[in-house]
Structures are given as C-alpha cells and as structure tokens.
Amino acid sequence: EERHWDAFYQFYLNTVDEKWGQAYLNRKFFSLLGRDLAERVLLVVAEEEETGELVAGALNLIGGDCLYGRNWGCSKKYDS
C-alpha cells in the first residue's frame, strides 16, 4: 500500500537525519520499487496498537536464499 511507502520514506529521512547522512533516494523510488519488484521486496512495519500509526519499518530485498536488509527507520523512540 502507498501508505506504507509514505511512512517508510519518513522513516528513511529520519534515519538520514539521525546519522548525519544524505538522502539519495526520493519518495518516488520507493513506489517504483514496490511496484516493479513487489515479489522481491519485504517491507516490515511496526504499527502502534492503539492508534494504528506506522511507527517503524525495515526494507529488505529477497535473494535466492537470503534476505538483504538495507534501510530502516522509525518515527518515535521506544524503550526496549
């Protein structure tokens, strides 16, 4: 769903800001990735139970026999 990509893009930007990096991917990239490589993408998201708000996510690409994780992020800090 596009709402997942909307949320994940914000998580990505938050991670870039937190790690003093540079955002080299734009929002459209994530939509195209989801559309063109849907069978190879595993987007894991965490949803706040009370509000339904998406609060964290991890983008993984599915390989032949392994999973490649590359980008992740969150919108809030939680204690473990």
C-alpha atoms as a PDB file:
ATOM      1  CA  GLU A   1       0.000   0.000   0.000  1.00  0.00           C
ATOM      2  CA  GLU A   2       1.185   3.518  -0.707  1.00  0.00           C
ATOM      3  CA  ARG A   3       0.611   4.494   2.938  1.00  0.00           C
ATOM      4  CA  HIS A   4       3.326   2.012   3.858  1.00  0.00           C
ATOM      5  CA  TRP A   5       5.732   3.661   1.425  1.00  0.00           C
ATOM      6  CA  ASP A   6       4.729   7.123   2.655  1.00  0.00           C
ATOM      7  CA  ALA A   7       5.544   6.096   6.214  1.00  0.00           C
ATOM      8  CA  PHE A   8       8.718   4.284   5.256  1.00  0.00           C
ATOM      9  CA  TYR A   9      10.017   7.287   3.346  1.00  0.00           C
ATOM     10  CA  GLN A  10       9.634   9.368   6.515  1.00  0.00           C
ATOM     11  CA  PHE A  11      11.462   6.656   8.494  1.00  0.00           C
ATOM     12  CA  TYR A  12      14.241   6.739   5.898  1.00  0.00           C
ATOM     13  CA  LEU A  13      14.532  10.526   6.174  1.00  0.00           C
ATOM     14  CA  ASN A  14      14.569  10.314   9.983  1.00  0.00           C
ATOM     15  CA  THR A  15      17.425   7.818   9.834  1.00  0.00           C
ATOM     16  CA  VAL A  16      19.354  10.052   7.426  1.00  0.00           C
ATOM     17  CA  ASP A  17      18.898  12.997   9.793  1.00  0.00           C
ATOM     18  CA  GLU A  18      19.863  10.923  12.837  1.00  0.00           C
ATOM     19  CA  LYS A  19      23.007   9.519  11.210  1.00  0.00           C
ATOM     20  CA  TRP A  20      24.104  12.763   9.511  1.00  0.00           C
ATOM     21  CA  GLY A  21      23.845  11.182   6.097  1.00  0.00           C
ATOM     22  CA  GLN A  22      22.456  12.362   2.795  1.00  0.00           C
ATOM     23  CA  ALA A  23      19.073  11.321   1.405  1.00  0.00           C
ATOM     24  CA  TYR A  24      19.922   9.924  -2.030  1.00  0.00           C
ATOM     25  CA  LEU A  25      16.576   8.163  -2.558  1.00  0.00           C
ATOM     26  CA  ASN A  26      13.369  10.066  -3.259  1.00  0.00           C
ATOM     27  CA  ARG A  27       9.779   9.145  -2.443  1.00  0.00           C
ATOM     28  CA  LYS A  28       9.044   8.002  -5.999  1.00  0.00           C
ATOM     29  CA  PHE A  29      11.883   5.463  -5.776  1.00  0.00           C
ATOM     30  CA  PHE A  30      10.032   3.554  -3.060  1.00  0.00           C
ATOM     31  CA  SER A  31       6.776   3.436  -5.026  1.00  0.00           C
ATOM     32  CA  LEU A  32       8.602   2.171  -8.095  1.00  0.00           C
ATOM     33  CA  LEU A  33      10.484  -0.394  -6.036  1.00  0.00           C
ATOM     34  CA  GLY A  34       7.221  -1.690  -4.588  1.00  0.00           C
ATOM     35  CA  ARG A  35       5.573  -1.769  -7.982  1.00  0.00           C
ATOM     36  CA  ASP A  36       8.359  -3.167 -10.139  1.00  0.00           C
ATOM     37  CA  LEU A  37       9.974  -5.571  -7.668  1.00  0.00           C
ATOM     38  CA  ALA A  38       6.996  -6.490  -5.498  1.00  0.00           C
ATOM     39  CA  GLU A  39       7.939 -10.185  -5.452  1.00  0.00           C
ATOM     40  CA  ARG A  40      11.443  -9.320  -4.226  1.00  0.00           C
ATOM     41  CA  VAL A  41      10.573  -6.722  -1.575  1.00  0.00           C
ATOM     42  CA  LEU A  42       9.774  -7.431   2.055  1.00  0.00           C
ATOM     43  CA  LEU A  43       8.774  -4.291   3.925  1.00  0.00           C
ATOM     44  CA  VAL A  44       8.383  -4.941   7.636  1.00  0.00           C
ATOM     45  CA  VAL A  45       6.493  -2.274   9.577  1.00  0.00           C
ATOM     46  CA  ALA A  46       5.631  -1.755  13.222  1.00  0.00           C
ATOM     47  CA  GLU A  47       2.209  -0.360  13.995  1.00  0.00           C
ATOM     48  CA  GLU A  48       1.191   1.303  17.229  1.00  0.00           C
ATOM     49  CA  GLU A  49      -1.626  -0.850  18.563  1.00  0.00           C
ATOM     50  CA  GLU A  50      -3.802   1.923  19.987  1.00  0.00           C
ATOM     51  CA  THR A  51      -3.645   4.344  17.057  1.00  0.00           C
ATOM     52  CA  GLY A  52      -2.785   2.173  14.060  1.00  0.00           C
ATOM     53  CA  GLU A  53       0.029   4.611  13.259  1.00  0.00           C
ATOM     54  CA  LEU A  54       3.017   3.100  11.455  1.00  0.00           C
ATOM     55  CA  VAL A  55       5.993   3.904  13.669  1.00  0.00           C
ATOM     56  CA  ALA A  56       8.948   1.919  12.282  1.00  0.00           C
ATOM     57  CA  GLY A  57       9.983  -0.084   9.280  1.00  0.00           C
ATOM     58  CA  ALA A  58      12.733  -2.098   7.642  1.00  0.00           C
ATOM     59  CA  LEU A  59      13.189  -2.580   3.911  1.00  0.00           C
ATOM     60  CA  ASN A  60      14.525  -5.955   2.820  1.00  0.00           C
ATOM     61  CA  LEU A  61      15.207  -7.408  -0.607  1.00  0.00           C
ATOM     62  CA  ILE A  62      14.630 -11.119  -1.085  1.00  0.00           C
ATOM     63  CA  GLY A  63      17.523 -13.011  -2.676  1.00  0.00           C
ATOM     64  CA  GLY A  64      17.633 -16.583  -3.898  1.00  0.00           C
ATOM     65  CA  ASP A  65      18.484 -17.979  -0.489  1.00  0.00           C
ATOM     66  CA  CYS A  66      18.878 -14.976   1.769  1.00  0.00           C
ATOM     67  CA  LEU A  67      17.368 -11.653   2.805  1.00  0.00           C
ATOM     68  CA  TYR A  68      19.218  -8.369   2.260  1.00  0.00           C
ATOM     69  CA  GLY A  69      18.390  -5.560   4.679  1.00  0.00           C
ATOM     70  CA  ARG A  70      19.408  -2.082   3.671  1.00  0.00           C
ATOM     71  CA  ASN A  71      17.226   0.722   5.013  1.00  0.00           C
ATOM     72  CA  TRP A  72      15.316   1.135   8.235  1.00  0.00           C
ATOM     73  CA  GLY A  73      13.933   3.836  10.454  1.00  0.00           C
ATOM     74  CA  CYS A  74      11.297   4.975  12.902  1.00  0.00           C
ATOM     75  CA  SER A  75       9.162   7.961  13.789  1.00  0.00           C
ATOM     76  CA  LYS A  76       9.466   7.683  17.580  1.00  0.00           C
ATOM     77  CA  LYS A  77      11.915   6.425  20.158  1.00  0.00           C
ATOM     78  CA  TYR A  78      10.821   3.458  22.262  1.00  0.00           C
ATOM     79  CA  ASP A  79      12.479   1.809  25.229  1.00  0.00           C
ATOM     80  CA  SER A  80      13.087  -1.897  24.772  1.00  0.00           C
END
